[in-house]
Amino acid sequence: MLSGIKEIAVIVIVLLALFLVPRMIRPKKNTDTGSAEKEGASRKNDGLTRLAVLISALWVTVAFLLWNPFTDGLSVFAVAGILPVAFGWGCRWVWLGFKK
């Protein structure tokens, strides 16, 4: 039972590393006035996005603790924990697509 949790933790760490490390080591651009304005415009929702990521992680964690997929079944955890988060991020993705 404990090895399954460790495997899930390793998968989560690898996925975070794949998405976050390239953003952290991105080369810095020239600081002329045009690129600074564009960078500021693309990051105006940065605080809200971070809050949404935190709430999503907390939601899945609380759902994992309440409906343990190893004992109560995976379907309840998926419907109550993962599906609302995936639906929310999917809606945001579609909304940003229409906004562009």
N, C-alpha and C. Protein backbone atom coordinates (compact mmCIF):
# COMPACT_ATOMS: atom_id res chain seq x y z
N MET A 1 0.83 -1.19 0.00
CA MET A 1 0.00 0.00 0.00
C MET A 1 0.86 1.25 0.00
N LEU A 2 1.90 1.27 0.81
CA LEU A 2 2.75 2.44 0.89
C LEU A 2 3.58 2.62 -0.38
N SER A 3 3.93 1.50 -1.03
CA SER A 3 4.70 1.62 -2.27
C SER A 3 3.88 2.28 -3.37
N GLY A 4 2.57 2.09 -3.39
CA GLY A 4 1.72 2.74 -4.39
C GLY A 4 1.72 4.25 -4.22
N ILE A 5 1.70 4.72 -2.98
CA ILE A 5 1.74 6.15 -2.72
C ILE A 5 3.09 6.73 -3.16
N LYS A 6 4.15 5.99 -2.91
CA LYS A 6 5.48 6.45 -3.33
C LYS A 6 5.57 6.53 -4.85
N GLU A 7 4.99 5.56 -5.53
CA GLU A 7 5.02 5.60 -7.00
C GLU A 7 4.24 6.80 -7.54
N ILE A 8 3.10 7.08 -6.94
CA ILE A 8 2.32 8.24 -7.36
C ILE A 8 3.09 9.52 -7.10
N ALA A 9 3.76 9.61 -5.94
CA ALA A 9 4.54 10.80 -5.62
C ALA A 9 5.68 10.99 -6.61
N VAL A 10 6.34 9.90 -7.01
CA VAL A 10 7.43 10.01 -7.99
C VAL A 10 6.89 10.48 -9.33
N ILE A 11 5.74 9.97 -9.74
CA ILE A 11 5.15 10.40 -11.02
C ILE A 11 4.80 11.89 -10.97
N VAL A 12 4.23 12.34 -9.85
CA VAL A 12 3.88 13.76 -9.71
C VAL A 12 5.13 14.62 -9.76
N ILE A 13 6.19 14.21 -9.08
CA ILE A 13 7.44 14.98 -9.08
C ILE A 13 8.04 15.05 -10.48
N VAL A 14 8.00 13.94 -11.21
CA VAL A 14 8.55 13.93 -12.58
C VAL A 14 7.73 14.86 -13.48
N LEU A 15 6.40 14.81 -13.37
CA LEU A 15 5.56 15.69 -14.18
C LEU A 15 5.79 17.16 -13.85
N LEU A 16 5.90 17.48 -12.57
CA LEU A 16 6.18 18.86 -12.18
C LEU A 16 7.54 19.31 -12.72
N ALA A 17 8.52 18.42 -12.65
CA ALA A 17 9.84 18.77 -13.17
C ALA A 17 9.80 19.00 -14.67
N LEU A 18 9.02 18.20 -15.39
CA LEU A 18 8.94 18.37 -16.84
C LEU A 18 8.32 19.71 -17.23
N PHE A 19 7.36 20.18 -16.43
CA PHE A 19 6.68 21.42 -16.79
C PHE A 19 7.29 22.66 -16.14
N LEU A 20 7.83 22.55 -14.95
CA LEU A 20 8.31 23.73 -14.23
C LEU A 20 9.78 24.05 -14.48
N VAL A 21 10.63 23.05 -14.59
CA VAL A 21 12.06 23.31 -14.75
C VAL A 21 12.37 24.09 -16.03
N PRO A 22 11.79 23.75 -17.19
CA PRO A 22 12.08 24.56 -18.37
C PRO A 22 11.66 26.03 -18.22
N ARG A 23 10.60 26.29 -17.48
CA ARG A 23 10.18 27.68 -17.24
C ARG A 23 11.16 28.40 -16.34
N MET A 24 11.76 27.68 -15.41
CA MET A 24 12.68 28.30 -14.46
C MET A 24 14.03 28.62 -15.11
N ILE A 25 14.44 27.83 -16.09
CA ILE A 25 15.76 28.05 -16.70
C ILE A 25 15.67 28.71 -18.07
N ARG A 26 14.53 29.28 -18.38
CA ARG A 26 14.35 29.98 -19.66
C ARG A 26 15.30 31.16 -19.73
N PRO A 27 15.99 31.36 -20.88
CA PRO A 27 16.89 32.51 -20.99
C PRO A 27 16.12 33.82 -20.95
N LYS A 28 16.74 34.81 -20.35
CA LYS A 28 16.09 36.12 -20.23
C LYS A 28 16.15 36.85 -21.56
N LYS A 29 15.08 37.59 -21.84
CA LYS A 29 14.99 38.34 -23.09
C LYS A 29 15.58 39.73 -22.90
N ASN A 30 15.82 40.42 -24.03
CA ASN A 30 16.29 41.79 -23.96
C ASN A 30 15.22 42.65 -23.32
N THR A 31 15.66 43.64 -22.56
CA THR A 31 14.70 44.49 -21.85
C THR A 31 14.47 45.80 -22.59
N ASP A 32 13.89 45.70 -23.78
CA ASP A 32 13.44 46.92 -24.44
C ASP A 32 11.99 47.16 -24.06
N THR A 33 11.46 48.32 -24.38
CA THR A 33 10.12 48.69 -23.89
C THR A 33 9.02 47.82 -24.48
N GLY A 34 9.15 47.38 -25.69
CA GLY A 34 8.11 46.57 -26.32
C GLY A 34 7.97 45.21 -25.66
N SER A 35 9.07 44.54 -25.41
CA SER A 35 8.97 43.20 -24.82
C SER A 35 8.55 43.26 -23.36
N ALA A 36 8.90 44.33 -22.66
CA ALA A 36 8.50 44.44 -21.25
C ALA A 36 6.99 44.62 -21.14
N GLU A 37 6.40 45.39 -22.07
CA GLU A 37 4.95 45.56 -22.04
C GLU A 37 4.24 44.27 -22.38
N LYS A 38 4.77 43.53 -23.37
CA LYS A 38 4.15 42.26 -23.74
C LYS A 38 4.25 41.26 -22.61
N GLU A 39 5.40 41.21 -21.93
CA GLU A 39 5.58 40.27 -20.83
C GLU A 39 4.65 40.60 -19.68
N GLY A 40 4.47 41.86 -19.38
CA GLY A 40 3.56 42.26 -18.31
C GLY A 40 2.12 41.94 -18.65
N ALA A 41 1.74 42.10 -19.91
CA ALA A 41 0.37 41.81 -20.31
C ALA A 41 0.08 40.32 -20.24
N SER A 42 1.06 39.48 -20.55
CA SER A 42 0.82 38.05 -20.52
C SER A 42 0.83 37.49 -19.11
N ARG A 43 1.33 38.24 -18.15
CA ARG A 43 1.42 37.76 -16.78
C ARG A 43 0.46 38.50 -15.84
N LYS A 44 -0.56 39.12 -16.34
CA LYS A 44 -1.43 39.90 -15.47
C LYS A 44 -2.27 39.01 -14.55
N ASN A 45 -2.53 37.78 -14.93
CA ASN A 45 -3.29 36.86 -14.09
C ASN A 45 -2.38 35.87 -13.36
N ASP A 46 -1.14 36.22 -13.20
CA ASP A 46 -0.19 35.29 -12.59
C ASP A 46 -0.59 34.92 -11.17
N GLY A 47 -1.03 35.87 -10.38
CA GLY A 47 -1.45 35.59 -9.01
C GLY A 47 -2.69 34.71 -8.96
N LEU A 48 -3.64 34.98 -9.84
CA LEU A 48 -4.85 34.16 -9.89
C LEU A 48 -4.54 32.74 -10.36
N THR A 49 -3.62 32.61 -11.29
CA THR A 49 -3.25 31.28 -11.76
C THR A 49 -2.57 30.49 -10.65
N ARG A 50 -1.71 31.13 -9.90
CA ARG A 50 -1.06 30.45 -8.79
C ARG A 50 -2.07 30.03 -7.73
N LEU A 51 -3.03 30.89 -7.46
CA LEU A 51 -4.09 30.55 -6.51
C LEU A 51 -4.91 29.36 -7.01
N ALA A 52 -5.21 29.35 -8.30
CA ALA A 52 -5.98 28.24 -8.87
C ALA A 52 -5.21 26.93 -8.80
N VAL A 53 -3.90 26.98 -9.03
CA VAL A 53 -3.08 25.76 -8.92
C VAL A 53 -3.08 25.26 -7.49
N LEU A 54 -2.94 26.17 -6.53
CA LEU A 54 -2.95 25.78 -5.12
C LEU A 54 -4.29 25.18 -4.72
N ILE A 55 -5.38 25.80 -5.12
CA ILE A 55 -6.71 25.27 -4.79
C ILE A 55 -6.92 23.90 -5.45
N SER A 56 -6.44 23.73 -6.68
CA SER A 56 -6.57 22.45 -7.36
C SER A 56 -5.81 21.36 -6.62
N ALA A 57 -4.59 21.67 -6.21
CA ALA A 57 -3.79 20.68 -5.49
C ALA A 57 -4.43 20.34 -4.15
N LEU A 58 -4.94 21.34 -3.45
CA LEU A 58 -5.61 21.09 -2.17
C LEU A 58 -6.88 20.27 -2.36
N TRP A 59 -7.64 20.55 -3.42
CA TRP A 59 -8.87 19.82 -3.69
C TRP A 59 -8.58 18.34 -3.91
N VAL A 60 -7.58 18.04 -4.75
CA VAL A 60 -7.24 16.65 -5.03
C VAL A 60 -6.70 15.98 -3.77
N THR A 61 -5.91 16.69 -2.97
CA THR A 61 -5.37 16.12 -1.74
C THR A 61 -6.47 15.80 -0.74
N VAL A 62 -7.39 16.73 -0.55
CA VAL A 62 -8.50 16.48 0.39
C VAL A 62 -9.38 15.34 -0.12
N ALA A 63 -9.64 15.30 -1.41
CA ALA A 63 -10.43 14.20 -1.98
C ALA A 63 -9.70 12.88 -1.80
N PHE A 64 -8.38 12.89 -1.92
CA PHE A 64 -7.59 11.67 -1.72
C PHE A 64 -7.69 11.20 -0.27
N LEU A 65 -7.68 12.15 0.66
CA LEU A 65 -7.76 11.78 2.07
C LEU A 65 -9.17 11.31 2.44
N LEU A 66 -10.20 11.94 1.88
CA LEU A 66 -11.57 11.55 2.21
C LEU A 66 -11.99 10.25 1.53
N TRP A 67 -11.69 10.13 0.25
CA TRP A 67 -12.06 8.94 -0.52
C TRP A 67 -10.80 8.29 -1.05
N ASN A 68 -10.13 7.56 -0.20
CA ASN A 68 -8.87 6.90 -0.56
C ASN A 68 -9.11 5.94 -1.72
N PRO A 69 -8.47 6.16 -2.86
CA PRO A 69 -8.73 5.29 -4.01
C PRO A 69 -8.23 3.86 -3.81
N PHE A 70 -7.38 3.64 -2.82
CA PHE A 70 -6.88 2.29 -2.60
C PHE A 70 -7.85 1.44 -1.78
N THR A 71 -8.69 2.08 -0.98
CA THR A 71 -9.62 1.31 -0.14
C THR A 71 -11.07 1.47 -0.58
N ASP A 72 -11.52 2.69 -0.87
CA ASP A 72 -12.92 2.93 -1.21
C ASP A 72 -13.22 2.75 -2.70
N GLY A 73 -12.24 2.73 -3.49
CA GLY A 73 -12.46 2.58 -4.92
C GLY A 73 -12.02 3.83 -5.68
N LEU A 74 -11.57 3.60 -6.86
CA LEU A 74 -11.04 4.68 -7.68
C LEU A 74 -12.14 5.55 -8.27
N SER A 75 -13.31 4.99 -8.51
CA SER A 75 -14.36 5.75 -9.19
C SER A 75 -14.86 6.93 -8.35
N VAL A 76 -15.03 6.75 -7.06
CA VAL A 76 -15.50 7.85 -6.21
C VAL A 76 -14.45 8.95 -6.15
N PHE A 77 -13.19 8.57 -6.01
CA PHE A 77 -12.10 9.56 -5.97
C PHE A 77 -12.01 10.30 -7.30
N ALA A 78 -12.15 9.61 -8.40
CA ALA A 78 -12.04 10.25 -9.71
C ALA A 78 -13.18 11.25 -9.93
N VAL A 79 -14.40 10.85 -9.55
CA VAL A 79 -15.55 11.73 -9.78
C VAL A 79 -15.52 12.92 -8.83
N ALA A 80 -15.15 12.71 -7.57
CA ALA A 80 -15.19 13.79 -6.59
C ALA A 80 -13.91 14.60 -6.53
N GLY A 81 -12.79 14.02 -6.90
CA GLY A 81 -11.51 14.71 -6.75
C GLY A 81 -10.89 15.20 -8.04
N ILE A 82 -10.77 14.32 -9.00
CA ILE A 82 -10.03 14.66 -10.21
C ILE A 82 -10.92 15.32 -11.27
N LEU A 83 -12.13 14.83 -11.42
CA LEU A 83 -13.02 15.36 -12.46
C LEU A 83 -13.33 16.85 -12.32
N PRO A 84 -13.65 17.36 -11.12
CA PRO A 84 -13.91 18.81 -11.02
C PRO A 84 -12.68 19.66 -11.35
N VAL A 85 -11.50 19.20 -10.95
CA VAL A 85 -10.28 19.95 -11.25
C VAL A 85 -10.00 19.94 -12.75
N ALA A 86 -10.12 18.77 -13.37
CA ALA A 86 -9.89 18.67 -14.81
C ALA A 86 -10.91 19.50 -15.59
N PHE A 87 -12.17 19.50 -15.13
CA PHE A 87 -13.20 20.30 -15.79
C PHE A 87 -12.90 21.79 -15.68
N GLY A 88 -12.49 22.22 -14.50
CA GLY A 88 -12.17 23.64 -14.29
C GLY A 88 -11.01 24.11 -15.15
N TRP A 89 -9.93 23.33 -15.18
CA TRP A 89 -8.78 23.71 -16.00
C TRP A 89 -9.10 23.61 -17.49
N GLY A 90 -9.96 22.66 -17.86
CA GLY A 90 -10.38 22.56 -19.26
C GLY A 90 -11.19 23.77 -19.69
N CYS A 91 -12.08 24.23 -18.80
CA CYS A 91 -12.86 25.44 -19.10
C CYS A 91 -11.95 26.66 -19.25
N ARG A 92 -10.95 26.75 -18.39
CA ARG A 92 -10.01 27.88 -18.48
C ARG A 92 -9.23 27.83 -19.80
N TRP A 93 -8.83 26.63 -20.20
CA TRP A 93 -8.09 26.45 -21.44
C TRP A 93 -8.92 26.88 -22.64
N VAL A 94 -10.20 26.49 -22.66
CA VAL A 94 -11.09 26.88 -23.75
C VAL A 94 -11.32 28.39 -23.73
N TRP A 95 -11.54 28.96 -22.53
CA TRP A 95 -11.77 30.39 -22.42
C TRP A 95 -10.57 31.19 -22.91
N LEU A 96 -9.36 30.78 -22.57
CA LEU A 96 -8.17 31.48 -23.04
C LEU A 96 -8.01 31.33 -24.55
N GLY A 97 -8.45 30.20 -25.10
CA GLY A 97 -8.41 30.02 -26.56
C GLY A 97 -9.33 30.99 -27.28
N PHE A 98 -10.52 31.19 -26.73
CA PHE A 98 -11.44 32.16 -27.34
C PHE A 98 -10.95 33.59 -27.13
N LYS A 99 -10.27 33.83 -26.03
CA LYS A 99 -9.79 35.18 -25.73
C LYS A 99 -8.69 35.60 -26.70
N LYS A 100 -7.86 34.65 -27.13
CA LYS A 100 -6.81 34.98 -28.09
C LYS A 100 -7.42 35.23 -29.44
